[in-house]
């Protein structure tokens, strides 16, 4: 089963939430609608700004744990490499 690591935020250079899922479209929809209580809903992290697909959920989980240990600036650089204008990538699913 494939897995995804993703970053959602509330605004450009705002609060970052790193997550992992096997169904990226469904999970980001949950963030956008505030369906899951917790960190991302508390801070309004609804904008998908970065994601990465992995061949297995195990690999995705390992990558998520690694990214969570990164410095904030490294995470911002990772986002800006893929998405320099911080567009909401969820719109591409529609």
Protein backbone atom coordinates (compact mmCIF):
# COMPACT_ATOMS: atom_id res chain seq x y z
CA UNK A 1 0.00 0.00 0.00
CA UNK A 2 1.30 3.43 -0.92
CA UNK A 3 1.77 6.11 1.68
CA UNK A 4 2.04 9.88 1.65
CA UNK A 5 3.85 12.33 3.85
CA UNK A 6 2.40 15.82 3.71
CA UNK A 7 2.57 19.29 5.19
CA UNK A 8 -0.46 21.48 5.80
CA UNK A 9 -0.32 25.04 7.09
CA UNK A 10 -2.60 27.91 8.04
CA UNK A 11 -0.75 30.48 5.87
CA UNK A 12 2.57 31.13 4.16
CA UNK A 13 5.35 30.73 6.74
CA UNK A 14 2.70 29.91 9.33
CA UNK A 15 2.17 26.92 11.57
CA UNK A 16 3.29 23.66 9.95
CA UNK A 17 1.71 20.25 10.50
CA UNK A 18 3.43 17.15 9.15
CA UNK A 19 1.32 14.03 8.71
CA UNK A 20 1.23 10.64 7.05
CA UNK A 21 -1.65 8.82 5.36
CA UNK A 22 -2.52 6.16 2.83
CA UNK A 23 -5.24 8.37 1.30
CA UNK A 24 -3.98 11.93 0.79
CA UNK A 25 -7.14 13.40 -0.73
CA UNK A 26 -9.36 12.09 2.09
CA UNK A 27 -6.96 13.16 4.84
CA UNK A 28 -6.51 16.70 3.51
CA UNK A 29 -10.28 16.98 3.16
CA UNK A 30 -10.53 16.10 6.88
CA UNK A 31 -8.04 18.87 7.70
CA UNK A 32 -9.93 21.39 5.56
CA UNK A 33 -13.27 20.59 7.17
CA UNK A 34 -11.86 20.37 10.72
CA UNK A 35 -13.19 16.81 11.11
CA UNK A 36 -10.36 15.60 13.32
CA UNK A 37 -9.72 17.41 16.61
CA UNK A 38 -6.09 18.07 17.46
CA UNK A 39 -3.11 20.21 16.54
CA UNK A 40 -4.02 20.94 12.93
CA UNK A 41 -7.61 21.97 13.71
CA UNK A 42 -6.52 24.05 16.73
CA UNK A 43 -4.10 26.05 14.57
CA UNK A 44 -6.22 26.10 11.40
CA UNK A 45 -3.80 24.10 9.26
CA UNK A 46 -5.93 23.49 6.16
CA UNK A 47 -3.69 24.37 3.20
CA UNK A 48 -1.76 21.48 1.61
CA UNK A 49 1.60 22.96 0.62
CA UNK A 50 3.82 19.88 0.21
CA UNK A 51 3.52 16.12 -0.15
CA UNK A 52 5.61 13.13 -1.10
CA UNK A 53 4.44 9.69 -2.23
CA UNK A 54 6.12 6.50 -1.01
CA UNK A 55 5.80 2.91 -2.17
CA UNK A 56 4.78 1.74 1.29
CA UNK A 57 3.15 3.24 4.35
CA UNK A 58 6.10 2.01 6.43
CA UNK A 59 8.54 4.10 4.39
CA UNK A 60 6.18 7.09 4.60
CA UNK A 61 6.02 6.78 8.40
CA UNK A 62 9.82 6.67 8.61
CA UNK A 63 10.05 9.81 6.46
CA UNK A 64 7.42 11.60 8.56
CA UNK A 65 9.35 10.88 11.76
CA UNK A 66 12.53 12.13 10.13
CA UNK A 67 10.92 15.37 8.91
CA UNK A 68 9.47 16.11 12.34
CA UNK A 69 13.03 16.26 13.69
CA UNK A 70 14.14 18.78 11.04
CA UNK A 71 14.71 22.44 11.81
CA UNK A 72 11.84 24.69 10.78
CA UNK A 73 13.97 26.43 8.13
CA UNK A 74 14.73 23.10 6.46
CA UNK A 75 10.98 22.35 6.29
CA UNK A 76 10.31 25.75 4.72
CA UNK A 77 13.04 25.14 2.13
CA UNK A 78 11.52 21.72 1.37
CA UNK A 79 8.12 23.33 0.78
CA UNK A 80 9.54 26.10 -1.37
CA UNK A 81 11.46 23.65 -3.56
CA UNK A 82 8.16 22.03 -4.60
CA UNK A 83 5.79 24.95 -4.12
CA UNK A 84 7.60 28.33 -4.04
CA UNK A 85 4.35 30.33 -3.86
CA UNK A 86 2.77 28.14 -1.16
CA UNK A 87 -0.29 27.41 -3.33
CA UNK A 88 -2.92 25.08 -1.90
CA UNK A 89 -2.12 21.84 -3.72
CA UNK A 90 -5.44 20.28 -2.67
CA UNK A 91 -7.12 22.22 -5.48
CA UNK A 92 -5.36 19.94 -7.99
CA UNK A 93 -7.47 16.99 -6.70
CA UNK A 94 -10.76 18.70 -7.59
